[in-house]
Amino acid sequence: MAPKPKRQPGATSDGTELDRAVDALAHPTRRAILLVLYARGGAMPAGLIADRFRHAWPTITRHLRILERAGLVTVQEDGRQRLYGLCPGPLRTVRDWLDTVSTPLPQAGAGEPDHWTQLLYGTMRNTVPPPDPG
């Protein structure tokens, strides 16, 4: 049996905005970087971000790249300086998903996992559509 290929940090199977954001938020350092940006008004240079952590510079830049690929931060280059800013769109997507799954089910019979999957994502492979109510 061949070994599984190593998964890259911040990579997801289908690359949806939700998946990319959740993958990026899975690491505590990346969540801390977002909090630092938030506390500093939403934007700051990479060097000042790195100064707030005990990690080596390459580690912080790797985390910043993952946050950028996930769309959680934007980058503006000004000469040699890179200014990172919060991008709230993907965070709203995560919040909306969490709101959806943390509220009561929308209709009777929706407790069936296949039905709930179809309500959220449409017909998917390996799922059985809910019975026709008519």
C-alpha atoms as a PDB file:
ATOM      1  CA  MET A   1       0.000   0.000   0.000  1.00  0.00           C
ATOM      2  CA  ALA A   2       1.419   3.393  -0.999  1.00  0.00           C
ATOM      3  CA  PRO A   3       1.881   6.001   1.739  1.00  0.00           C
ATOM      4  CA  LYS A   4      -0.655   8.790   1.895  1.00  0.00           C
ATOM      5  CA  PRO A   5       0.615  12.072   0.460  1.00  0.00           C
ATOM      6  CA  LYS A   6       1.437  14.635   3.135  1.00  0.00           C
ATOM      7  CA  ARG A   7      -1.236  17.288   3.469  1.00  0.00           C
ATOM      8  CA  GLN A   8      -0.054  20.869   3.212  1.00  0.00           C
ATOM      9  CA  PRO A   9      -0.967  23.220   6.110  1.00  0.00           C
ATOM     10  CA  GLY A  10      -4.026  25.230   5.187  1.00  0.00           C
ATOM     11  CA  ALA A  11      -4.953  22.889   2.311  1.00  0.00           C
ATOM     12  CA  THR A  12      -8.420  21.380   2.039  1.00  0.00           C
ATOM     13  CA  SER A  13      -9.994  18.684  -0.059  1.00  0.00           C
ATOM     14  CA  ASP A  14     -12.479  20.858  -1.953  1.00  0.00           C
ATOM     15  CA  GLY A  15     -11.234  24.354  -1.223  1.00  0.00           C
ATOM     16  CA  THR A  16     -14.512  26.014  -0.236  1.00  0.00           C
ATOM     17  CA  GLU A  17     -14.279  29.305   1.622  1.00  0.00           C
ATOM     18  CA  LEU A  18     -15.638  27.652   4.771  1.00  0.00           C
ATOM     19  CA  ASP A  19     -13.141  24.770   4.605  1.00  0.00           C
ATOM     20  CA  ARG A  20     -10.174  27.060   3.992  1.00  0.00           C
ATOM     21  CA  ALA A  21     -11.172  29.331   6.882  1.00  0.00           C
ATOM     22  CA  VAL A  22     -11.779  26.473   9.332  1.00  0.00           C
ATOM     23  CA  ASP A  23      -8.469  24.837   8.374  1.00  0.00           C
ATOM     24  CA  ALA A  24      -6.616  28.125   8.918  1.00  0.00           C
ATOM     25  CA  LEU A  25      -8.371  28.751  12.244  1.00  0.00           C
ATOM     26  CA  ALA A  26      -7.436  25.284  13.513  1.00  0.00           C
ATOM     27  CA  HIS A  27      -3.987  26.454  14.671  1.00  0.00           C
ATOM     28  CA  PRO A  28      -3.801  28.549  17.870  1.00  0.00           C
ATOM     29  CA  THR A  29      -1.003  30.770  16.526  1.00  0.00           C
ATOM     30  CA  ARG A  30      -3.088  31.757  13.511  1.00  0.00           C
ATOM     31  CA  ARG A  31      -6.048  32.556  15.756  1.00  0.00           C
ATOM     32  CA  ALA A  32      -3.698  34.651  17.918  1.00  0.00           C
ATOM     33  CA  ILE A  33      -2.439  36.528  14.838  1.00  0.00           C
ATOM     34  CA  LEU A  34      -6.028  37.425  13.951  1.00  0.00           C
ATOM     35  CA  LEU A  35      -6.598  38.657  17.512  1.00  0.00           C
ATOM     36  CA  VAL A  36      -3.445  40.799  17.334  1.00  0.00           C
ATOM     37  CA  LEU A  37      -4.637  42.324  14.055  1.00  0.00           C
ATOM     38  CA  TYR A  38      -8.070  42.960  15.541  1.00  0.00           C
ATOM     39  CA  ALA A  39      -6.630  44.585  18.680  1.00  0.00           C
ATOM     40  CA  ARG A  40      -4.381  46.831  16.575  1.00  0.00           C
ATOM     41  CA  GLY A  41      -7.222  48.222  14.489  1.00  0.00           C
ATOM     42  CA  GLY A  42      -7.287  45.538  11.812  1.00  0.00           C
ATOM     43  CA  ALA A  43      -3.961  46.106  10.039  1.00  0.00           C
ATOM     44  CA  MET A  44      -0.237  46.095  10.785  1.00  0.00           C
ATOM     45  CA  PRO A  45       3.126  45.243   9.209  1.00  0.00           C
ATOM     46  CA  ALA A  46       4.423  41.678   9.267  1.00  0.00           C
ATOM     47  CA  GLY A  47       7.416  42.639  11.417  1.00  0.00           C
ATOM     48  CA  LEU A  48       5.233  44.080  14.178  1.00  0.00           C
ATOM     49  CA  ILE A  49       3.037  40.987  14.085  1.00  0.00           C
ATOM     50  CA  ALA A  50       6.101  38.750  14.404  1.00  0.00           C
ATOM     51  CA  ASP A  51       7.441  40.826  17.320  1.00  0.00           C
ATOM     52  CA  ARG A  52       4.449  39.759  19.411  1.00  0.00           C
ATOM     53  CA  PHE A  53       5.289  36.051  19.175  1.00  0.00           C
ATOM     54  CA  ARG A  54       8.150  33.874  20.369  1.00  0.00           C
ATOM     55  CA  HIS A  55       8.199  31.949  17.094  1.00  0.00           C
ATOM     56  CA  ALA A  56      10.953  32.296  14.510  1.00  0.00           C
ATOM     57  CA  TRP A  57      10.318  34.661  11.610  1.00  0.00           C
ATOM     58  CA  PRO A  58       9.826  31.819   9.050  1.00  0.00           C
ATOM     59  CA  THR A  59       7.150  30.271  11.279  1.00  0.00           C
ATOM     60  CA  ILE A  60       5.170  33.515  11.496  1.00  0.00           C
ATOM     61  CA  THR A  61       5.438  34.169   7.762  1.00  0.00           C
ATOM     62  CA  ARG A  62       4.211  30.618   7.069  1.00  0.00           C
ATOM     63  CA  HIS A  63       1.180  31.243   9.302  1.00  0.00           C
ATOM     64  CA  LEU A  64       0.546  34.587   7.580  1.00  0.00           C
ATOM     65  CA  ARG A  65       0.662  32.899   4.144  1.00  0.00           C
ATOM     66  CA  ILE A  66      -1.879  30.297   5.294  1.00  0.00           C
ATOM     67  CA  LEU A  67      -4.169  33.055   6.609  1.00  0.00           C
ATOM     68  CA  GLU A  68      -3.757  34.894   3.303  1.00  0.00           C
ATOM     69  CA  ARG A  69      -4.570  31.784   1.213  1.00  0.00           C
ATOM     70  CA  ALA A  70      -7.664  31.242   3.362  1.00  0.00           C
ATOM     71  CA  GLY A  71      -8.762  34.812   2.632  1.00  0.00           C
ATOM     72  CA  LEU A  72      -8.684  35.750   6.329  1.00  0.00           C
ATOM     73  CA  VAL A  73      -6.113  38.499   5.800  1.00  0.00           C
ATOM     74  CA  THR A  74      -5.223  40.807   2.944  1.00  0.00           C
ATOM     75  CA  VAL A  75      -1.693  41.926   2.093  1.00  0.00           C
ATOM     76  CA  GLN A  76      -0.568  45.272   0.758  1.00  0.00           C
ATOM     77  CA  GLU A  77       3.052  45.645  -0.257  1.00  0.00           C
ATOM     78  CA  ASP A  78       4.689  49.002   0.362  1.00  0.00           C
ATOM     79  CA  GLY A  79       8.308  48.744  -0.727  1.00  0.00           C
ATOM     80  CA  ARG A  80       9.881  46.019   1.396  1.00  0.00           C
ATOM     81  CA  GLN A  81       7.087  46.125   3.960  1.00  0.00           C
ATOM     82  CA  ARG A  82       4.002  43.918   3.872  1.00  0.00           C
ATOM     83  CA  LEU A  83       0.947  45.310   5.636  1.00  0.00           C
ATOM     84  CA  TYR A  84      -1.522  42.620   6.755  1.00  0.00           C
ATOM     85  CA  GLY A  85      -5.174  43.449   7.333  1.00  0.00           C
ATOM     86  CA  LEU A  86      -8.184  41.508   8.558  1.00  0.00           C
ATOM     87  CA  CYS A  87     -10.648  40.313   5.950  1.00  0.00           C
ATOM     88  CA  PRO A  88     -13.943  39.554   7.725  1.00  0.00           C
ATOM     89  CA  GLY A  89     -15.769  37.790   4.862  1.00  0.00           C
ATOM     90  CA  PRO A  90     -14.553  34.240   5.586  1.00  0.00           C
ATOM     91  CA  LEU A  91     -15.053  34.807   9.326  1.00  0.00           C
ATOM     92  CA  ARG A  92     -18.690  35.679   8.614  1.00  0.00           C
ATOM     93  CA  THR A  93     -18.984  32.460   6.598  1.00  0.00           C
ATOM     94  CA  VAL A  94     -17.709  30.450   9.584  1.00  0.00           C
ATOM     95  CA  ARG A  95     -20.026  32.340  11.951  1.00  0.00           C
ATOM     96  CA  ASP A  96     -23.028  31.753   9.676  1.00  0.00           C
ATOM     97  CA  TRP A  97     -22.254  28.029   9.466  1.00  0.00           C
ATOM     98  CA  LEU A  98     -21.884  27.811  13.254  1.00  0.00           C
ATOM     99  CA  ASP A  99     -25.184  29.680  13.683  1.00  0.00           C
ATOM    100  CA  THR A 100     -26.834  27.201  11.316  1.00  0.00           C
ATOM    101  CA  VAL A 101     -25.654  24.065  13.079  1.00  0.00           C
ATOM    102  CA  SER A 102     -26.220  25.459  16.569  1.00  0.00           C
ATOM    103  CA  THR A 103     -29.891  26.348  16.089  1.00  0.00           C
ATOM    104  CA  PRO A 104     -32.810  23.899  16.290  1.00  0.00           C
ATOM    105  CA  LEU A 105     -33.466  21.839  13.192  1.00  0.00           C
ATOM    106  CA  PRO A 106     -35.641  23.753  10.719  1.00  0.00           C
ATOM    107  CA  GLN A 107     -38.390  21.166  10.186  1.00  0.00           C
ATOM    108  CA  ALA A 108     -39.806  17.924  11.509  1.00  0.00           C
ATOM    109  CA  GLY A 109     -37.890  14.868  10.322  1.00  0.00           C
ATOM    110  CA  ALA A 110     -34.791  16.919   9.638  1.00  0.00           C
ATOM    111  CA  GLY A 111     -32.921  15.001  12.325  1.00  0.00           C
ATOM    112  CA  GLU A 112     -31.848  12.473   9.713  1.00  0.00           C
ATOM    113  CA  PRO A 113     -28.204  13.220   8.817  1.00  0.00           C
ATOM    114  CA  ASP A 114     -28.746  12.612   5.087  1.00  0.00           C
ATOM    115  CA  HIS A 115     -31.655  15.039   5.025  1.00  0.00           C
ATOM    116  CA  TRP A 116     -29.693  17.708   6.877  1.00  0.00           C
ATOM    117  CA  THR A 117     -26.713  17.259   4.534  1.00  0.00           C
ATOM    118  CA  GLN A 118     -28.949  17.748   1.523  1.00  0.00           C
ATOM    119  CA  LEU A 119     -30.564  20.847   3.018  1.00  0.00           C
ATOM    120  CA  LEU A 120     -27.154  22.466   3.492  1.00  0.00           C
ATOM    121  CA  TYR A 121     -25.188  21.230   0.502  1.00  0.00           C
ATOM    122  CA  GLY A 122     -27.592  19.772  -2.047  1.00  0.00           C
ATOM    123  CA  THR A 123     -27.341  16.241  -3.385  1.00  0.00           C
ATOM    124  CA  MET A 124     -23.952  14.735  -2.629  1.00  0.00           C
ATOM    125  CA  ARG A 125     -22.278  11.447  -3.404  1.00  0.00           C
ATOM    126  CA  ASN A 126     -22.922   8.685  -0.862  1.00  0.00           C
ATOM    127  CA  THR A 127     -26.037  10.343   0.562  1.00  0.00           C
ATOM    128  CA  VAL A 128     -29.599   9.185   0.260  1.00  0.00           C
ATOM    129  CA  PRO A 129     -32.121  11.898  -0.626  1.00  0.00           C
ATOM    130  CA  PRO A 130     -34.921  12.391   1.883  1.00  0.00           C
ATOM    131  CA  PRO A 131     -38.253  10.702   1.074  1.00  0.00           C
ATOM    132  CA  ASP A 132     -40.669  12.696  -1.053  1.00  0.00           C
ATOM    133  CA  PRO A 133     -43.286  14.195   1.324  1.00  0.00           C
ATOM    134  CA  GLY A 134     -45.969  14.081  -1.387  1.00  0.00           C
END
